Amino acid sequence: MAENGASQRTSSARPELPQGAPCWVDAQLPDLEAGKRFYGELFGWTFDAPEEETVRARLDGEPVAALVRKTDGRMPTVWSVYFHTPDAAALAGRIRAGGGQIVTPPHPVGDQGTTALAADPDGAVFALWQPDRHRGFGRRHEPGAFTWAELYTRDTEAANAFYGDLFHDALFGPDAAPDFGRAPVSSVFPAEMPPHFLVHFLTGDVEAALGRVARLGGRVRVPPFETSYGGVAVVSDDQGASFALLQR
């Protein structure tokens, strides 16, 4: 997760997010060029020059996501969500104390920030981001940008307790505007599906977006269904990374 100077200047004035607010997403893909073609046509993203194994995606010039080359074939092809924190090391300790695991301990990403990879007590994996020069999303809640992260879990009460403690201000504080929900796995997916976070991108017309997904070689995993936060369809790109399209 990194960012170049132009975006750093525009993002430096953004207000500080509460701990636990989704602040970034990336996709681990075996073929970055194929990923650029797919998401460029689907969402109108443009892309920075690659930095090592990562390319940043932009919408109208602002950063919205990253595509990361998957160098280990044993790793999943997947979209991941990052949650904002002012102190990744302290939050990692609270995750352990709450029954979660730290998969990758907090470590710096150049001068951009500090990241860590964690799993909740049910096994759903998520990332942390403590910003330095890179603040996260330049755009959200508009077509082609991140708008929601849904945790599909086997025990919503336990998830509410775990994340409610970790991310209280983002979920329940006076300025809370949550971009993060919890639902039973079985409400949408087969019972054997493991707990996971599903990244949602906003679209103005989900049916038209599904047509583009099919034309670009992706698949519809779950046809459109209604939720409390809008109409959703679950799809995967042409390399198998799943995400959701949300029409409010």
C-alpha atoms as a PDB file:
ATOM      1  CA  MET A   1       0.000   0.000   0.000  1.00  0.00           C
ATOM      2  CA  ALA A   2       1.719   3.174  -1.199  1.00  0.00           C
ATOM      3  CA  GLU A   3       0.965   6.505  -2.781  1.00  0.00           C
ATOM      4  CA  ASN A   4       2.791   9.078  -4.836  1.00  0.00           C
ATOM      5  CA  GLY A   5       3.408  12.756  -4.112  1.00  0.00           C
ATOM      6  CA  ALA A   6       0.487  14.280  -6.047  1.00  0.00           C
ATOM      7  CA  SER A   7      -2.080  12.283  -4.134  1.00  0.00           C
ATOM      8  CA  GLN A   8      -0.276  12.843  -0.857  1.00  0.00           C
ATOM      9  CA  ARG A   9      -0.760  16.579  -1.279  1.00  0.00           C
ATOM     10  CA  THR A  10      -4.464  16.290  -2.047  1.00  0.00           C
ATOM     11  CA  SER A  11      -5.060  13.760   0.732  1.00  0.00           C
ATOM     12  CA  SER A  12      -3.201  15.605   3.496  1.00  0.00           C
ATOM     13  CA  ALA A  13      -6.173  17.876   4.157  1.00  0.00           C
ATOM     14  CA  ARG A  14      -8.658  15.015   4.554  1.00  0.00           C
ATOM     15  CA  PRO A  15     -10.156  14.750   8.041  1.00  0.00           C
ATOM     16  CA  GLU A  16      -8.818  12.049  10.326  1.00  0.00           C
ATOM     17  CA  LEU A  17     -10.902   8.885  10.260  1.00  0.00           C
ATOM     18  CA  PRO A  18     -12.065   7.157  13.436  1.00  0.00           C
ATOM     19  CA  GLN A  19     -10.315   3.917  14.328  1.00  0.00           C
ATOM     20  CA  GLY A  20     -12.045   1.094  12.473  1.00  0.00           C
ATOM     21  CA  ALA A  21     -13.250   3.063   9.459  1.00  0.00           C
ATOM     22  CA  PRO A  22     -12.493   1.251   6.185  1.00  0.00           C
ATOM     23  CA  CYS A  23      -9.760   3.328   4.552  1.00  0.00           C
ATOM     24  CA  TRP A  24      -8.352   1.233   1.683  1.00  0.00           C
ATOM     25  CA  VAL A  25      -8.835  -1.917  -0.380  1.00  0.00           C
ATOM     26  CA  ASP A  26      -6.552  -3.985  -2.554  1.00  0.00           C
ATOM     27  CA  ALA A  27      -6.771  -7.114  -4.688  1.00  0.00           C
ATOM     28  CA  GLN A  28      -4.163  -9.871  -4.766  1.00  0.00           C
ATOM     29  CA  LEU A  29      -4.049 -10.973  -8.421  1.00  0.00           C
ATOM     30  CA  PRO A  30      -1.735 -13.255 -10.399  1.00  0.00           C
ATOM     31  CA  ASP A  31      -1.874 -11.005 -13.499  1.00  0.00           C
ATOM     32  CA  LEU A  32      -1.795  -7.248 -12.935  1.00  0.00           C
ATOM     33  CA  GLU A  33      -2.199  -6.350 -16.604  1.00  0.00           C
ATOM     34  CA  ALA A  34      -5.362  -8.455 -16.816  1.00  0.00           C
ATOM     35  CA  GLY A  35      -6.580  -6.782 -13.618  1.00  0.00           C
ATOM     36  CA  LYS A  36      -5.992  -3.343 -15.088  1.00  0.00           C
ATOM     37  CA  ARG A  37      -7.973  -4.244 -18.200  1.00  0.00           C
ATOM     38  CA  PHE A  38     -10.887  -5.685 -16.211  1.00  0.00           C
ATOM     39  CA  TYR A  39     -11.273  -2.943 -13.615  1.00  0.00           C
ATOM     40  CA  GLY A  40     -10.347  -0.162 -16.002  1.00  0.00           C
ATOM     41  CA  GLU A  41     -13.258  -1.102 -18.248  1.00  0.00           C
ATOM     42  CA  LEU A  42     -15.650  -1.987 -15.425  1.00  0.00           C
ATOM     43  CA  PHE A  43     -15.171   1.103 -13.247  1.00  0.00           C
ATOM     44  CA  GLY A  44     -13.300   3.577 -15.451  1.00  0.00           C
ATOM     45  CA  TRP A  45     -10.177   3.364 -13.305  1.00  0.00           C
ATOM     46  CA  THR A  46      -6.816   4.610 -14.494  1.00  0.00           C
ATOM     47  CA  PHE A  47      -3.560   3.297 -13.096  1.00  0.00           C
ATOM     48  CA  ASP A  48      -0.254   4.667 -11.876  1.00  0.00           C
ATOM     49  CA  ALA A  49       3.035   3.236 -13.071  1.00  0.00           C
ATOM     50  CA  PRO A  50       3.797   0.026 -11.128  1.00  0.00           C
ATOM     51  CA  GLU A  51       5.773   0.329  -7.902  1.00  0.00           C
ATOM     52  CA  GLU A  52       7.447  -3.044  -7.406  1.00  0.00           C
ATOM     53  CA  GLU A  53       4.497  -5.491  -7.302  1.00  0.00           C
ATOM     54  CA  THR A  54       1.702  -2.911  -6.848  1.00  0.00           C
ATOM     55  CA  VAL A  55      -0.280  -0.571  -9.076  1.00  0.00           C
ATOM     56  CA  ARG A  56      -2.622   2.085  -7.720  1.00  0.00           C
ATOM     57  CA  ALA A  57      -6.026   2.645  -9.267  1.00  0.00           C
ATOM     58  CA  ARG A  58      -7.538   6.099  -9.581  1.00  0.00           C
ATOM     59  CA  LEU A  59     -10.982   7.454 -10.265  1.00  0.00           C
ATOM     60  CA  ASP A  60     -10.978  11.000 -11.672  1.00  0.00           C
ATOM     61  CA  GLY A  61      -7.375  11.309 -10.533  1.00  0.00           C
ATOM     62  CA  GLU A  62      -7.934  10.269  -6.905  1.00  0.00           C
ATOM     63  CA  PRO A  63      -6.751   6.950  -5.391  1.00  0.00           C
ATOM     64  CA  VAL A  64      -9.464   4.344  -4.841  1.00  0.00           C
ATOM     65  CA  ALA A  65      -7.741   0.928  -4.656  1.00  0.00           C
ATOM     66  CA  ALA A  66      -4.602  -1.036  -5.454  1.00  0.00           C
ATOM     67  CA  LEU A  67      -3.861  -4.179  -7.422  1.00  0.00           C
ATOM     68  CA  VAL A  68      -1.056  -6.294  -5.959  1.00  0.00           C
ATOM     69  CA  ARG A  69       0.766  -9.068  -7.781  1.00  0.00           C
ATOM     70  CA  LYS A  70       0.210 -12.412  -6.053  1.00  0.00           C
ATOM     71  CA  THR A  71       3.659 -14.007  -5.901  1.00  0.00           C
ATOM     72  CA  ASP A  72       2.659 -17.124  -3.928  1.00  0.00           C
ATOM     73  CA  GLY A  73       0.207 -19.410  -5.685  1.00  0.00           C
ATOM     74  CA  ARG A  74      -0.954 -20.783  -2.327  1.00  0.00           C
ATOM     75  CA  MET A  75      -2.380 -17.386  -1.395  1.00  0.00           C
ATOM     76  CA  PRO A  76      -5.998 -16.612  -2.324  1.00  0.00           C
ATOM     77  CA  THR A  77      -6.974 -14.336  -5.188  1.00  0.00           C
ATOM     78  CA  VAL A  78      -8.989 -11.921  -3.119  1.00  0.00           C
ATOM     79  CA  TRP A  79     -10.029  -8.357  -2.311  1.00  0.00           C
ATOM     80  CA  SER A  80      -8.963  -7.183   1.158  1.00  0.00           C
ATOM     81  CA  VAL A  81     -10.205  -4.299   3.296  1.00  0.00           C
ATOM     82  CA  TYR A  82      -7.962  -2.116   5.477  1.00  0.00           C
ATOM     83  CA  PHE A  83      -9.248  -0.477   8.658  1.00  0.00           C
ATOM     84  CA  HIS A  84      -7.827   2.828   9.816  1.00  0.00           C
ATOM     85  CA  THR A  85      -5.924   3.021  13.083  1.00  0.00           C
ATOM     86  CA  PRO A  86      -3.682   5.690  14.620  1.00  0.00           C
ATOM     87  CA  ASP A  87      -1.622   2.948  16.328  1.00  0.00           C
ATOM     88  CA  ALA A  88      -1.336  -0.407  14.569  1.00  0.00           C
ATOM     89  CA  ALA A  89       0.812  -1.985  17.297  1.00  0.00           C
ATOM     90  CA  ALA A  90      -1.657  -1.102  20.055  1.00  0.00           C
ATOM     91  CA  LEU A  91      -4.617  -2.304  17.991  1.00  0.00           C
ATOM     92  CA  ALA A  92      -2.804  -5.570  17.221  1.00  0.00           C
ATOM     93  CA  GLY A  93      -2.492  -6.154  20.951  1.00  0.00           C
ATOM     94  CA  ARG A  94      -6.221  -5.561  21.434  1.00  0.00           C
ATOM     95  CA  ILE A  95      -7.009  -7.964  18.580  1.00  0.00           C
ATOM     96  CA  ARG A  96      -5.015 -10.693  20.322  1.00  0.00           C
ATOM     97  CA  ALA A  97      -6.628  -9.901  23.667  1.00  0.00           C
ATOM     98  CA  GLY A  98     -10.069 -10.150  22.054  1.00  0.00           C
ATOM     99  CA  GLY A  99      -9.407 -13.636  20.711  1.00  0.00           C
ATOM    100  CA  GLY A 100      -8.218 -12.706  17.205  1.00  0.00           C
ATOM    101  CA  GLN A 101      -4.888 -13.470  15.568  1.00  0.00           C
ATOM    102  CA  ILE A 102      -2.166 -11.367  14.006  1.00  0.00           C
ATOM    103  CA  VAL A 103      -1.230 -13.045  10.726  1.00  0.00           C
ATOM    104  CA  THR A 104       1.438 -10.485   9.782  1.00  0.00           C
ATOM    105  CA  PRO A 105       2.688  -8.192  12.580  1.00  0.00           C
ATOM    106  CA  PRO A 106       2.675  -4.416  12.100  1.00  0.00           C
ATOM    107  CA  HIS A 107       5.441  -3.287   9.756  1.00  0.00           C
ATOM    108  CA  PRO A 108       6.219  -0.074   7.860  1.00  0.00           C
ATOM    109  CA  VAL A 109       5.573   0.331   4.138  1.00  0.00           C
ATOM    110  CA  GLY A 110       8.309   2.811   3.328  1.00  0.00           C
ATOM    111  CA  ASP A 111       7.210   6.261   4.460  1.00  0.00           C
ATOM    112  CA  GLN A 112       3.597   5.608   3.478  1.00  0.00           C
ATOM    113  CA  GLY A 113       2.320   4.051   6.703  1.00  0.00           C
ATOM    114  CA  THR A 114       2.232   0.905   8.812  1.00  0.00           C
ATOM    115  CA  THR A 115       0.183  -2.169   8.001  1.00  0.00           C
ATOM    116  CA  ALA A 116      -0.692  -5.500   9.599  1.00  0.00           C
ATOM    117  CA  LEU A 117      -2.818  -8.498   8.657  1.00  0.00           C
ATOM    118  CA  ALA A 118      -5.218  -9.914  11.238  1.00  0.00           C
ATOM    119  CA  ALA A 119      -7.997 -12.468  11.625  1.00  0.00           C
ATOM    120  CA  ASP A 120     -11.001 -12.261  13.911  1.00  0.00           C
ATOM    121  CA  PRO A 121     -11.977 -15.137  16.256  1.00  0.00           C
ATOM    122  CA  ASP A 122     -14.106 -16.675  13.495  1.00  0.00           C
ATOM    123  CA  GLY A 123     -11.208 -16.596  10.996  1.00  0.00           C
ATOM    124  CA  ALA A 124     -12.217 -13.657   8.774  1.00  0.00           C
ATOM    125  CA  VAL A 125      -9.082 -11.864   7.578  1.00  0.00           C
ATOM    126  CA  PHE A 126      -8.699  -8.085   7.456  1.00  0.00           C
ATOM    127  CA  ALA A 127      -5.873  -5.541   7.365  1.00  0.00           C
ATOM    128  CA  LEU A 128      -4.904  -2.518   9.440  1.00  0.00           C
ATOM    129  CA  TRP A 129      -3.532   0.749   8.120  1.00  0.00           C
ATOM    130  CA  GLN A 130      -1.803   3.407  10.211  1.00  0.00           C
ATOM    131  CA  PRO A 131      -1.281   6.263   7.761  1.00  0.00           C
ATOM    132  CA  ASP A 132       1.773   8.384   7.283  1.00  0.00           C
ATOM    133  CA  ARG A 133       2.100   9.921   3.813  1.00  0.00           C
ATOM    134  CA  HIS A 134      -0.641   7.764   2.313  1.00  0.00           C
ATOM    135  CA  ARG A 135      -4.019   8.591   3.872  1.00  0.00           C
ATOM    136  CA  GLY A 136      -6.188   6.061   2.019  1.00  0.00           C
ATOM    137  CA  PHE A 137      -9.195   6.617  -0.223  1.00  0.00           C
ATOM    138  CA  GLY A 138      -9.323   9.813  -2.238  1.00  0.00           C
ATOM    139  CA  ARG A 139     -12.880   9.001  -3.287  1.00  0.00           C
ATOM    140  CA  ARG A 140     -15.579   6.770  -1.828  1.00  0.00           C
ATOM    141  CA  HIS A 141     -19.370   6.444  -1.961  1.00  0.00           C
ATOM    142  CA  GLU A 142     -19.588   7.223  -5.662  1.00  0.00           C
ATOM    143  CA  PRO A 143     -19.874   4.953  -8.700  1.00  0.00           C
ATOM    144  CA  GLY A 144     -16.642   3.058  -9.245  1.00  0.00           C
ATOM    145  CA  ALA A 145     -15.388   3.574  -5.685  1.00  0.00           C
ATOM    146  CA  PHE A 146     -15.552   1.687  -2.405  1.00  0.00           C
ATOM    147  CA  THR A 147     -18.786   2.103  -0.497  1.00  0.00           C
ATOM    148  CA  TRP A 148     -19.252  -0.790   1.974  1.00  0.00           C
ATOM    149  CA  ALA A 149     -17.557  -3.799   3.593  1.00  0.00           C
ATOM    150  CA  GLU A 150     -19.800  -6.627   4.773  1.00  0.00           C
ATOM    151  CA  LEU A 151     -18.500  -9.283   7.138  1.00  0.00           C
ATOM    152  CA  TYR A 152     -20.125 -12.645   6.516  1.00  0.00           C
ATOM    153  CA  THR A 153     -19.646 -14.614   9.723  1.00  0.00           C
ATOM    154  CA  ARG A 154     -21.007 -17.653  11.519  1.00  0.00           C
ATOM    155  CA  ASP A 155     -21.750 -15.783  14.751  1.00  0.00           C
ATOM    156  CA  THR A 156     -22.976 -12.218  14.324  1.00  0.00           C
ATOM    157  CA  GLU A 157     -23.350 -11.630  18.066  1.00  0.00           C
ATOM    158  CA  ALA A 158     -19.712 -12.570  18.679  1.00  0.00           C
ATOM    159  CA  ALA A 159     -18.646 -10.432  15.697  1.00  0.00           C
ATOM    160  CA  ASN A 160     -20.600  -7.451  17.009  1.00  0.00           C
ATOM    161  CA  ALA A 161     -18.908  -7.810  20.385  1.00  0.00           C
ATOM    162  CA  PHE A 162     -15.400  -8.220  18.908  1.00  0.00           C
ATOM    163  CA  TYR A 163     -15.584  -5.364  16.403  1.00  0.00           C
ATOM    164  CA  GLY A 164     -17.723  -3.199  18.660  1.00  0.00           C
ATOM    165  CA  ASP A 165     -14.889  -3.219  21.187  1.00  0.00           C
ATOM    166  CA  LEU A 166     -12.137  -2.694  18.587  1.00  0.00           C
ATOM    167  CA  PHE A 167     -13.877  -0.101  16.444  1.00  0.00           C
ATOM    168  CA  HIS A 168     -16.405   1.468  18.800  1.00  0.00           C
ATOM    169  CA  ASP A 169     -16.090   5.053  17.557  1.00  0.00           C
ATOM    170  CA  ALA A 170     -16.381   4.110  13.880  1.00  0.00           C
ATOM    171  CA  LEU A 171     -19.427   1.925  14.517  1.00  0.00           C
ATOM    172  CA  PHE A 172     -21.204   3.653  17.394  1.00  0.00           C
ATOM    173  CA  GLY A 173     -19.498   6.984  18.171  1.00  0.00           C
ATOM    174  CA  PRO A 174     -21.155  10.408  17.856  1.00  0.00           C
ATOM    175  CA  ASP A 175     -19.712  10.939  14.376  1.00  0.00           C
ATOM    176  CA  ALA A 176     -20.160   7.342  13.228  1.00  0.00           C
ATOM    177  CA  ALA A 177     -21.113   6.775   9.608  1.00  0.00           C
ATOM    178  CA  PRO A 178     -20.375   3.058   9.354  1.00  0.00           C
ATOM    179  CA  ASP A 179     -19.228   1.572   6.067  1.00  0.00           C
ATOM    180  CA  PHE A 180     -19.089  -1.874   7.671  1.00  0.00           C
ATOM    181  CA  GLY A 181     -21.837  -4.400   8.431  1.00  0.00           C
ATOM    182  CA  ARG A 182     -22.142  -7.951   9.752  1.00  0.00           C
ATOM    183  CA  ALA A 183     -24.376 -10.757   8.459  1.00  0.00           C
ATOM    184  CA  PRO A 184     -24.587 -14.552   8.730  1.00  0.00           C
ATOM    185  CA  VAL A 185     -22.694 -16.444   6.024  1.00  0.00           C
ATOM    186  CA  SER A 186     -25.774 -18.561   5.368  1.00  0.00           C
ATOM    187  CA  SER A 187     -27.897 -15.513   4.514  1.00  0.00           C
ATOM    188  CA  VAL A 188     -26.177 -15.262   1.109  1.00  0.00           C
ATOM    189  CA  PHE A 189     -23.599 -18.034   0.685  1.00  0.00           C
ATOM    190  CA  PRO A 190     -23.528 -21.833   1.085  1.00  0.00           C
ATOM    191  CA  ALA A 191     -23.076 -22.936   4.690  1.00  0.00           C
ATOM    192  CA  GLU A 192     -19.570 -24.247   3.980  1.00  0.00           C
ATOM    193  CA  MET A 193     -18.313 -20.812   2.852  1.00  0.00           C
ATOM    194  CA  PRO A 194     -15.682 -19.597   5.361  1.00  0.00           C
ATOM    195  CA  PRO A 195     -16.218 -16.278   7.158  1.00  0.00           C
ATOM    196  CA  HIS A 196     -14.892 -13.374   5.108  1.00  0.00           C
ATOM    197  CA  PHE A 197     -15.139  -9.677   4.305  1.00  0.00           C
ATOM    198  CA  LEU A 198     -16.814  -8.749   1.029  1.00  0.00           C
ATOM    199  CA  VAL A 199     -15.745  -5.415  -0.488  1.00  0.00           C
ATOM    200  CA  HIS A 200     -18.569  -3.464  -2.175  1.00  0.00           C
ATOM    201  CA  PHE A 201     -18.164  -0.930  -4.987  1.00  0.00           C
ATOM    202  CA  LEU A 202     -20.962   1.493  -5.800  1.00  0.00           C
ATOM    203  CA  THR A 203     -22.710   1.382  -9.154  1.00  0.00           C
ATOM    204  CA  GLY A 204     -25.535   3.459 -10.557  1.00  0.00           C
ATOM    205  CA  ASP A 205     -27.014   0.490 -12.444  1.00  0.00           C
ATOM    206  CA  VAL A 206     -26.273  -2.991 -11.126  1.00  0.00           C
ATOM    207  CA  GLU A 207     -27.787  -4.797 -14.123  1.00  0.00           C
ATOM    208  CA  ALA A 208     -25.634  -2.831 -16.575  1.00  0.00           C
ATOM    209  CA  ALA A 209     -22.582  -3.482 -14.392  1.00  0.00           C
ATOM    210  CA  LEU A 210     -23.341  -7.224 -14.398  1.00  0.00           C
ATOM    211  CA  GLY A 211     -23.419  -7.118 -18.186  1.00  0.00           C
ATOM    212  CA  ARG A 212     -19.953  -5.522 -18.222  1.00  0.00           C
ATOM    213  CA  VAL A 213     -18.649  -8.115 -15.751  1.00  0.00           C
ATOM    214  CA  ALA A 214     -19.822 -10.936 -18.036  1.00  0.00           C
ATOM    215  CA  ARG A 215     -18.426  -9.285 -21.163  1.00  0.00           C
ATOM    216  CA  LEU A 216     -15.045  -8.872 -19.459  1.00  0.00           C
ATOM    217  CA  GLY A 217     -14.850 -12.549 -18.496  1.00  0.00           C
ATOM    218  CA  GLY A 218     -16.057 -12.312 -14.892  1.00  0.00           C
ATOM    219  CA  ARG A 219     -18.819 -14.324 -13.260  1.00  0.00           C
ATOM    220  CA  VAL A 220     -21.961 -13.615 -11.284  1.00  0.00           C
ATOM    221  CA  ARG A 221     -21.629 -15.509  -7.993  1.00  0.00           C
ATOM    222  CA  VAL A 222     -24.860 -14.321  -6.334  1.00  0.00           C
ATOM    223  CA  PRO A 223     -27.596 -12.607  -8.414  1.00  0.00           C
ATOM    224  CA  PRO A 224     -28.971  -9.269  -7.194  1.00  0.00           C
ATOM    225  CA  PHE A 225     -30.647  -9.301  -3.782  1.00  0.00           C
ATOM    226  CA  GLU A 226     -31.906  -6.608  -1.416  1.00  0.00           C
ATOM    227  CA  THR A 227     -30.210  -5.578   1.817  1.00  0.00           C
ATOM    228  CA  SER A 228     -30.822  -2.846   4.376  1.00  0.00           C
ATOM    229  CA  TYR A 229     -28.121  -0.757   2.657  1.00  0.00           C
ATOM    230  CA  GLY A 230     -29.140  -1.292  -1.002  1.00  0.00           C
ATOM    231  CA  GLY A 231     -29.327  -3.787  -3.855  1.00  0.00           C
ATOM    232  CA  VAL A 232     -26.295  -6.077  -4.044  1.00  0.00           C
ATOM    233  CA  ALA A 233     -24.867  -8.610  -6.492  1.00  0.00           C
ATOM    234  CA  VAL A 234     -21.750 -10.685  -5.800  1.00  0.00           C
ATOM    235  CA  VAL A 235     -19.394 -11.199  -8.736  1.00  0.00           C
ATOM    236  CA  SER A 236     -15.823 -12.245  -9.424  1.00  0.00           C
ATOM    237  CA  ASP A 237     -13.319 -10.862 -11.883  1.00  0.00           C
ATOM    238  CA  ASP A 238     -11.714 -12.908 -14.648  1.00  0.00           C
ATOM    239  CA  GLN A 239      -9.029 -14.122 -12.203  1.00  0.00           C
ATOM    240  CA  GLY A 240     -11.428 -15.214  -9.473  1.00  0.00           C
ATOM    241  CA  ALA A 241     -11.332 -12.317  -6.984  1.00  0.00           C
ATOM    242  CA  SER A 242     -14.832 -11.798  -5.585  1.00  0.00           C
ATOM    243  CA  PHE A 243     -16.415  -8.450  -4.764  1.00  0.00           C
ATOM    244  CA  ALA A 244     -19.875  -6.930  -4.651  1.00  0.00           C
ATOM    245  CA  LEU A 245     -21.687  -4.313  -6.688  1.00  0.00           C
ATOM    246  CA  LEU A 246     -23.993  -2.092  -4.642  1.00  0.00           C
ATOM    247  CA  GLN A 247     -26.794   0.064  -6.029  1.00  0.00           C
ATOM    248  CA  ARG A 248     -28.311   2.322  -3.363  1.00  0.00           C
END
